[in-house]
């Protein structure tokens, strides 16, 4: 039996295939994930209904299963609200952070490094995030 808080079989299988620098996309309910799939990506649909599951809940679960070293979000228009980016930063802590132009962001999702796309029921706009998987550090490796 699994003792991890994430028990979704497809997500766990995809996470187990990862290596350093693999990309995980947490997508809001508006991202056209069918048009975003790359050659190595698996898509999991967790958008049962609007609001379920939300992107922050999925991010919390991913962080309990694998290390993350970087995050990329889509640049928002100046007039738009993207407070979810602040929530991501708080959860992610000390990782590299980048905001990318919309079409470049979509191209980044389609890269071969993207191995998992999780579509959520998140309704907030600009909630898509690309996570870069890090390495599991051993206790004696904490200096790098």
N, C-alpha and C. Protein backbone atom coordinates (compact mmCIF):
# COMPACT_ATOMS: atom_id res chain seq x y z
N UNK A 1 0.84 -1.18 0.00
CA UNK A 1 0.00 0.00 0.00
C UNK A 1 0.89 1.25 0.00
N UNK A 2 0.43 2.28 -0.65
CA UNK A 2 1.17 3.54 -0.70
C UNK A 2 0.97 4.33 0.59
N UNK A 3 2.04 4.97 1.03
CA UNK A 3 1.96 5.81 2.21
C UNK A 3 2.10 7.29 1.86
N UNK A 4 2.23 7.59 0.59
CA UNK A 4 2.34 8.97 0.14
C UNK A 4 0.95 9.59 0.06
N UNK A 5 0.84 10.90 0.24
CA UNK A 5 -0.47 11.54 0.14
C UNK A 5 -1.01 11.58 -1.30
N UNK A 6 -0.16 11.40 -2.30
CA UNK A 6 -0.61 11.37 -3.70
C UNK A 6 -0.74 9.91 -4.10
N UNK A 7 -1.96 9.52 -4.47
CA UNK A 7 -2.19 8.11 -4.80
C UNK A 7 -2.72 7.91 -6.22
N UNK A 8 -2.83 8.97 -7.01
CA UNK A 8 -3.33 8.84 -8.37
C UNK A 8 -2.35 7.99 -9.17
N UNK A 9 -2.77 6.85 -9.70
CA UNK A 9 -1.82 5.91 -10.34
C UNK A 9 -1.10 6.49 -11.55
N UNK A 10 -1.76 7.25 -12.39
CA UNK A 10 -1.09 7.80 -13.58
C UNK A 10 -0.09 8.87 -13.19
N UNK A 11 -0.45 9.71 -12.23
CA UNK A 11 0.48 10.74 -11.76
C UNK A 11 1.70 10.09 -11.12
N UNK A 12 1.51 9.10 -10.29
CA UNK A 12 2.63 8.43 -9.63
C UNK A 12 3.53 7.73 -10.65
N UNK A 13 2.94 7.12 -11.67
CA UNK A 13 3.74 6.45 -12.70
C UNK A 13 4.57 7.47 -13.48
N UNK A 14 3.94 8.59 -13.84
CA UNK A 14 4.68 9.63 -14.58
C UNK A 14 5.79 10.23 -13.73
N UNK A 15 5.52 10.50 -12.46
CA UNK A 15 6.54 11.04 -11.58
C UNK A 15 7.71 10.07 -11.41
N UNK A 16 7.42 8.79 -11.39
CA UNK A 16 8.47 7.78 -11.24
C UNK A 16 9.38 7.72 -12.47
N UNK A 17 8.88 8.15 -13.64
CA UNK A 17 9.69 8.16 -14.87
C UNK A 17 10.59 9.37 -14.97
N UNK A 18 10.38 10.36 -14.14
CA UNK A 18 11.11 11.63 -14.23
C UNK A 18 12.57 11.48 -13.97
N UNK A 19 13.29 12.43 -14.49
CA UNK A 19 14.67 12.65 -14.16
C UNK A 19 14.86 14.13 -13.90
N UNK A 20 16.06 14.48 -13.56
CA UNK A 20 16.40 15.87 -13.31
C UNK A 20 16.09 16.69 -14.57
N UNK A 21 15.50 17.83 -14.41
CA UNK A 21 15.10 18.77 -15.45
C UNK A 21 13.82 18.40 -16.19
N UNK A 22 13.14 17.33 -15.79
CA UNK A 22 11.84 17.03 -16.38
C UNK A 22 10.87 18.14 -16.00
N UNK A 23 9.86 18.34 -16.82
CA UNK A 23 8.88 19.40 -16.58
C UNK A 23 7.51 18.81 -16.27
N UNK A 24 6.89 19.39 -15.24
CA UNK A 24 5.51 19.06 -14.87
C UNK A 24 4.69 20.33 -15.06
N UNK A 25 3.58 20.22 -15.75
CA UNK A 25 2.70 21.37 -15.95
C UNK A 25 1.46 21.18 -15.09
N UNK A 26 1.18 22.17 -14.27
CA UNK A 26 -0.11 22.22 -13.57
C UNK A 26 -0.93 23.25 -14.34
N UNK A 27 -1.99 22.78 -14.96
CA UNK A 27 -2.78 23.61 -15.87
C UNK A 27 -4.10 24.01 -15.22
N UNK A 28 -4.52 25.24 -15.49
CA UNK A 28 -5.84 25.65 -15.02
C UNK A 28 -6.90 25.03 -15.93
N UNK A 29 -8.15 25.27 -15.61
CA UNK A 29 -9.24 24.67 -16.37
C UNK A 29 -9.44 25.25 -17.75
N UNK A 30 -8.70 26.30 -18.09
CA UNK A 30 -8.86 26.94 -19.39
C UNK A 30 -7.78 26.59 -20.41
N UNK A 31 -6.68 25.99 -19.96
CA UNK A 31 -5.60 25.68 -20.89
C UNK A 31 -6.03 24.57 -21.85
N UNK A 32 -5.89 24.76 -23.15
CA UNK A 32 -6.28 23.72 -24.11
C UNK A 32 -5.21 22.61 -24.14
N UNK A 33 -5.24 21.73 -23.15
CA UNK A 33 -4.17 20.75 -22.99
C UNK A 33 -4.05 19.81 -24.19
N UNK A 34 -5.11 19.56 -24.90
CA UNK A 34 -5.03 18.71 -26.07
C UNK A 34 -4.11 19.26 -27.13
N UNK A 35 -3.99 20.57 -27.19
CA UNK A 35 -3.11 21.22 -28.16
C UNK A 35 -1.72 21.46 -27.59
N UNK A 36 -1.48 21.09 -26.35
CA UNK A 36 -0.21 21.37 -25.68
C UNK A 36 0.65 20.12 -25.52
N UNK A 37 0.15 18.96 -25.82
CA UNK A 37 0.90 17.74 -25.57
C UNK A 37 2.15 17.68 -26.43
N UNK A 38 3.22 17.23 -25.81
CA UNK A 38 4.48 17.05 -26.50
C UNK A 38 4.76 15.58 -26.71
N UNK A 39 5.92 15.25 -27.24
CA UNK A 39 6.22 13.87 -27.59
C UNK A 39 6.36 12.93 -26.38
N UNK A 40 6.64 13.45 -25.21
CA UNK A 40 6.85 12.61 -24.03
C UNK A 40 5.86 12.85 -22.91
N UNK A 41 4.82 13.65 -23.18
CA UNK A 41 3.93 14.04 -22.09
C UNK A 41 2.74 13.12 -21.93
N UNK A 42 2.38 12.94 -20.68
CA UNK A 42 1.16 12.25 -20.29
C UNK A 42 0.23 13.31 -19.71
N UNK A 43 -1.04 13.28 -20.10
CA UNK A 43 -2.00 14.24 -19.58
C UNK A 43 -2.94 13.53 -18.62
N UNK A 44 -3.15 14.16 -17.46
CA UNK A 44 -4.09 13.67 -16.46
C UNK A 44 -5.14 14.75 -16.26
N UNK A 45 -6.40 14.38 -16.37
CA UNK A 45 -7.49 15.33 -16.20
C UNK A 45 -8.07 15.19 -14.79
N UNK A 46 -7.85 16.21 -13.98
CA UNK A 46 -8.41 16.25 -12.63
C UNK A 46 -9.51 17.31 -12.54
N UNK A 47 -9.95 17.80 -13.67
CA UNK A 47 -10.96 18.85 -13.71
C UNK A 47 -12.36 18.25 -13.77
N UNK A 48 -12.77 17.64 -12.67
CA UNK A 48 -14.09 17.00 -12.59
C UNK A 48 -15.21 18.01 -12.76
N UNK A 49 -15.04 19.17 -12.10
CA UNK A 49 -15.96 20.28 -12.27
C UNK A 49 -15.21 21.55 -11.90
N UNK A 50 -15.69 22.71 -12.34
CA UNK A 50 -14.98 23.95 -12.04
C UNK A 50 -14.69 24.09 -10.55
N UNK A 51 -13.43 24.36 -10.24
CA UNK A 51 -13.00 24.52 -8.86
C UNK A 51 -12.45 23.26 -8.23
N UNK A 52 -12.68 22.11 -8.82
CA UNK A 52 -12.19 20.84 -8.27
C UNK A 52 -11.31 20.16 -9.30
N UNK A 53 -10.23 19.78 -8.94
CA UNK A 53 -9.29 20.18 -7.91
C UNK A 53 -8.64 21.48 -8.31
N UNK A 54 -8.25 22.28 -7.33
CA UNK A 54 -7.60 23.55 -7.65
C UNK A 54 -6.09 23.35 -7.80
N UNK A 55 -5.44 24.32 -8.43
CA UNK A 55 -4.02 24.21 -8.75
C UNK A 55 -3.13 24.18 -7.51
N UNK A 56 -3.49 24.92 -6.47
CA UNK A 56 -2.66 24.94 -5.27
C UNK A 56 -2.67 23.60 -4.55
N UNK A 57 -3.81 22.93 -4.53
CA UNK A 57 -3.89 21.60 -3.92
C UNK A 57 -3.01 20.61 -4.68
N UNK A 58 -3.03 20.69 -6.00
CA UNK A 58 -2.20 19.80 -6.82
C UNK A 58 -0.72 20.12 -6.59
N UNK A 59 -0.36 21.40 -6.55
CA UNK A 59 1.04 21.77 -6.30
C UNK A 59 1.50 21.24 -4.94
N UNK A 60 0.69 21.39 -3.92
CA UNK A 60 1.06 20.86 -2.59
C UNK A 60 1.35 19.37 -2.66
N UNK A 61 0.52 18.63 -3.40
CA UNK A 61 0.73 17.20 -3.54
C UNK A 61 2.01 16.87 -4.28
N UNK A 62 2.27 17.57 -5.36
CA UNK A 62 3.49 17.34 -6.13
C UNK A 62 4.72 17.60 -5.26
N UNK A 63 4.68 18.67 -4.47
CA UNK A 63 5.82 19.01 -3.61
C UNK A 63 6.07 17.96 -2.53
N UNK A 64 5.06 17.19 -2.19
CA UNK A 64 5.24 16.12 -1.22
C UNK A 64 5.86 14.87 -1.84
N UNK A 65 5.87 14.82 -3.16
CA UNK A 65 6.35 13.62 -3.86
C UNK A 65 7.70 13.82 -4.52
N UNK A 66 7.97 15.00 -5.07
CA UNK A 66 9.23 15.19 -5.78
C UNK A 66 9.80 16.59 -5.55
N UNK A 67 11.12 16.72 -5.70
CA UNK A 67 11.75 18.03 -5.54
C UNK A 67 11.51 18.91 -6.76
N UNK A 68 11.33 20.19 -6.52
CA UNK A 68 11.16 21.16 -7.60
C UNK A 68 12.26 22.20 -7.47
N UNK A 69 12.91 22.50 -8.58
CA UNK A 69 13.99 23.50 -8.54
C UNK A 69 13.65 24.78 -9.28
N UNK A 70 12.59 24.77 -10.08
CA UNK A 70 12.25 25.97 -10.82
C UNK A 70 10.79 26.01 -11.21
N UNK A 71 10.30 27.22 -11.49
CA UNK A 71 8.92 27.41 -11.91
C UNK A 71 8.85 28.50 -12.96
N UNK A 72 7.96 28.29 -13.92
CA UNK A 72 7.71 29.28 -14.97
C UNK A 72 6.21 29.51 -15.03
N UNK A 73 5.81 30.77 -15.05
CA UNK A 73 4.41 31.13 -15.23
C UNK A 73 4.29 31.99 -16.49
N UNK A 74 3.06 32.14 -16.94
CA UNK A 74 2.81 32.99 -18.09
C UNK A 74 2.71 34.44 -17.62
N UNK A 75 3.37 35.35 -18.36
CA UNK A 75 3.23 36.77 -18.06
C UNK A 75 1.77 37.16 -18.17
N UNK A 76 1.34 37.97 -17.26
CA UNK A 76 -0.05 38.43 -17.30
C UNK A 76 -0.09 39.86 -17.85
N UNK A 77 -1.20 40.23 -18.45
CA UNK A 77 -1.34 41.63 -18.85
C UNK A 77 -1.31 42.53 -17.60
N UNK A 78 -0.89 43.75 -17.75
CA UNK A 78 -0.75 44.67 -16.62
C UNK A 78 -2.04 44.81 -15.83
N UNK A 79 -3.17 44.78 -16.50
CA UNK A 79 -4.46 44.99 -15.83
C UNK A 79 -5.02 43.71 -15.18
N UNK A 80 -4.40 42.58 -15.42
CA UNK A 80 -4.93 41.31 -14.92
C UNK A 80 -4.46 41.02 -13.50
N UNK A 81 -5.24 40.22 -12.81
CA UNK A 81 -4.92 39.77 -11.47
C UNK A 81 -4.30 38.38 -11.55
N UNK A 82 -3.15 38.21 -10.97
CA UNK A 82 -2.52 36.88 -10.92
C UNK A 82 -1.97 36.65 -9.52
N UNK A 83 -2.81 36.86 -8.52
CA UNK A 83 -2.39 36.66 -7.12
C UNK A 83 -1.97 35.21 -6.88
N UNK A 84 -2.45 34.31 -7.71
CA UNK A 84 -2.05 32.91 -7.54
C UNK A 84 -0.53 32.75 -7.70
N UNK A 85 0.12 33.62 -8.46
CA UNK A 85 1.57 33.55 -8.60
C UNK A 85 2.24 33.76 -7.24
N UNK A 86 1.70 34.66 -6.43
CA UNK A 86 2.25 34.88 -5.09
C UNK A 86 2.07 33.64 -4.22
N UNK A 87 0.93 32.99 -4.36
CA UNK A 87 0.69 31.75 -3.60
C UNK A 87 1.66 30.66 -4.04
N UNK A 88 1.92 30.57 -5.34
CA UNK A 88 2.90 29.61 -5.84
C UNK A 88 4.28 29.89 -5.24
N UNK A 89 4.68 31.15 -5.27
CA UNK A 89 6.00 31.52 -4.73
C UNK A 89 6.12 31.14 -3.26
N UNK A 90 5.06 31.35 -2.51
CA UNK A 90 5.08 31.01 -1.09
C UNK A 90 5.24 29.50 -0.89
N UNK A 91 4.51 28.70 -1.65
CA UNK A 91 4.60 27.25 -1.53
C UNK A 91 5.94 26.71 -2.02
N UNK A 92 6.45 27.28 -3.10
CA UNK A 92 7.66 26.77 -3.72
C UNK A 92 8.94 27.17 -2.99
N UNK A 93 8.90 28.28 -2.29
CA UNK A 93 10.08 28.71 -1.56
C UNK A 93 11.21 29.11 -2.48
N UNK A 94 12.40 28.63 -2.17
CA UNK A 94 13.62 29.06 -2.85
C UNK A 94 13.86 28.25 -4.13
N UNK A 95 13.15 28.61 -5.20
CA UNK A 95 13.36 27.99 -6.51
C UNK A 95 13.57 29.11 -7.51
N UNK A 96 14.13 28.77 -8.67
CA UNK A 96 14.24 29.79 -9.72
C UNK A 96 12.83 30.09 -10.20
N UNK A 97 12.61 31.33 -10.59
CA UNK A 97 11.28 31.80 -10.96
C UNK A 97 11.38 32.61 -12.24
N UNK A 98 10.47 32.35 -13.17
CA UNK A 98 10.48 33.07 -14.44
C UNK A 98 9.05 33.30 -14.91
N UNK A 99 8.80 34.44 -15.51
CA UNK A 99 7.54 34.72 -16.19
C UNK A 99 7.85 34.78 -17.68
N UNK A 100 7.05 34.10 -18.48
CA UNK A 100 7.34 33.95 -19.90
C UNK A 100 6.16 34.46 -20.73
N UNK A 101 6.48 35.06 -21.87
CA UNK A 101 5.47 35.52 -22.81
C UNK A 101 4.55 34.35 -23.20
N UNK A 102 3.28 34.66 -23.43
CA UNK A 102 2.25 33.64 -23.63
C UNK A 102 2.62 32.57 -24.65
N UNK A 103 2.99 32.95 -25.86
CA UNK A 103 3.24 31.96 -26.91
C UNK A 103 4.52 31.18 -26.65
N UNK A 104 5.51 31.82 -26.06
CA UNK A 104 6.73 31.11 -25.67
C UNK A 104 6.42 30.11 -24.55
N UNK A 105 5.53 30.49 -23.65
CA UNK A 105 5.10 29.59 -22.57
C UNK A 105 4.44 28.34 -23.16
N UNK A 106 3.55 28.53 -24.13
CA UNK A 106 2.91 27.38 -24.77
C UNK A 106 3.94 26.49 -25.45
N UNK A 107 4.91 27.09 -26.14
CA UNK A 107 5.97 26.31 -26.78
C UNK A 107 6.78 25.53 -25.75
N UNK A 108 7.02 26.14 -24.60
CA UNK A 108 7.78 25.48 -23.53
C UNK A 108 7.05 24.23 -23.05
N UNK A 109 5.73 24.31 -22.95
CA UNK A 109 4.94 23.14 -22.54
C UNK A 109 5.11 22.00 -23.54
N UNK A 110 5.20 22.32 -24.82
CA UNK A 110 5.28 21.29 -25.87
C UNK A 110 6.66 20.64 -25.99
N UNK A 111 7.63 21.11 -25.22
CA UNK A 111 8.99 20.56 -25.31
C UNK A 111 9.04 19.10 -24.88
N UNK A 112 10.02 18.35 -25.39
CA UNK A 112 10.18 16.94 -24.99
C UNK A 112 10.40 16.76 -23.49
N UNK A 113 10.89 17.77 -22.80
CA UNK A 113 11.13 17.66 -21.35
C UNK A 113 9.84 17.59 -20.54
N UNK A 114 8.72 18.00 -21.13
CA UNK A 114 7.44 17.92 -20.40
C UNK A 114 6.98 16.48 -20.40
N UNK A 115 6.91 15.92 -19.20
CA UNK A 115 6.51 14.52 -19.08
C UNK A 115 5.14 14.34 -18.44
N UNK A 116 4.61 15.40 -17.83
CA UNK A 116 3.30 15.30 -17.19
C UNK A 116 2.58 16.64 -17.26
N UNK A 117 1.34 16.60 -17.72
CA UNK A 117 0.45 17.75 -17.70
C UNK A 117 -0.75 17.36 -16.85
N UNK A 118 -0.99 18.12 -15.80
CA UNK A 118 -2.13 17.85 -14.91
C UNK A 118 -3.12 18.99 -15.09
N UNK A 119 -4.26 18.69 -15.70
CA UNK A 119 -5.28 19.73 -15.84
C UNK A 119 -6.18 19.71 -14.61
N UNK A 120 -6.28 20.86 -13.98
CA UNK A 120 -7.07 21.00 -12.78
C UNK A 120 -8.39 21.70 -13.10
N UNK A 121 -9.20 21.86 -12.10
CA UNK A 121 -10.43 22.63 -12.24
C UNK A 121 -10.25 24.08 -11.82
N UNK A 122 -8.99 24.50 -11.73
CA UNK A 122 -8.67 25.87 -11.30
C UNK A 122 -9.35 26.88 -12.21
N UNK A 123 -10.04 27.84 -11.62
CA UNK A 123 -10.75 28.85 -12.39
C UNK A 123 -10.03 30.20 -12.45
N UNK A 124 -9.04 30.42 -11.58
CA UNK A 124 -8.31 31.68 -11.65
C UNK A 124 -7.50 31.73 -12.94
N UNK A 125 -7.48 32.89 -13.56
CA UNK A 125 -6.72 33.04 -14.79
C UNK A 125 -5.23 33.13 -14.48
N UNK A 126 -4.42 32.77 -15.44
CA UNK A 126 -2.96 32.79 -15.34
C UNK A 126 -2.46 31.87 -14.22
N UNK A 127 -3.14 30.76 -14.03
CA UNK A 127 -2.78 29.81 -12.97
C UNK A 127 -1.90 28.68 -13.49
N UNK A 128 -1.57 28.68 -14.77
CA UNK A 128 -0.72 27.63 -15.32
C UNK A 128 0.71 27.81 -14.83
N UNK A 129 1.35 26.71 -14.48
CA UNK A 129 2.73 26.78 -14.02
C UNK A 129 3.48 25.56 -14.55
N UNK A 130 4.69 25.80 -15.02
CA UNK A 130 5.59 24.73 -15.45
C UNK A 130 6.63 24.56 -14.35
N UNK A 131 6.70 23.37 -13.79
CA UNK A 131 7.67 23.07 -12.74
C UNK A 131 8.83 22.29 -13.32
N UNK A 132 10.03 22.61 -12.90
CA UNK A 132 11.21 21.84 -13.29
C UNK A 132 11.61 20.97 -12.11
N UNK A 133 11.69 19.68 -12.37
CA UNK A 133 12.02 18.72 -11.32
C UNK A 133 13.50 18.83 -10.97
N UNK A 134 13.78 18.81 -9.70
CA UNK A 134 15.15 18.87 -9.21
C UNK A 134 15.68 17.49 -8.89
N UNK A 135 16.65 17.45 -8.01
CA UNK A 135 17.23 16.17 -7.58
C UNK A 135 16.97 15.99 -6.09
N UNK A 136 16.90 14.75 -5.69
CA UNK A 136 16.77 14.44 -4.28
C UNK A 136 18.17 14.49 -3.69
N UNK A 137 18.37 15.40 -2.76
CA UNK A 137 19.70 15.58 -2.17
C UNK A 137 19.85 14.70 -0.93
N UNK A 138 21.00 14.09 -0.84
CA UNK A 138 21.32 13.31 0.35
C UNK A 138 21.81 14.27 1.42
N UNK A 139 21.76 13.89 2.66
CA UNK A 139 22.11 14.77 3.78
C UNK A 139 23.50 15.37 3.61
N UNK A 140 24.46 14.59 3.14
CA UNK A 140 25.82 15.11 3.01
C UNK A 140 26.00 16.00 1.77
N UNK A 141 24.97 16.14 0.95
CA UNK A 141 25.04 16.97 -0.26
C UNK A 141 24.33 18.30 -0.10
N UNK A 142 24.09 18.73 1.09
CA UNK A 142 23.29 19.93 1.31
C UNK A 142 23.98 21.23 0.93
N UNK A 143 25.26 21.19 0.60
CA UNK A 143 26.00 22.41 0.29
C UNK A 143 25.91 22.85 -1.16
N UNK A 144 25.17 22.15 -2.03
CA UNK A 144 25.06 22.61 -3.41
C UNK A 144 23.63 22.54 -3.91
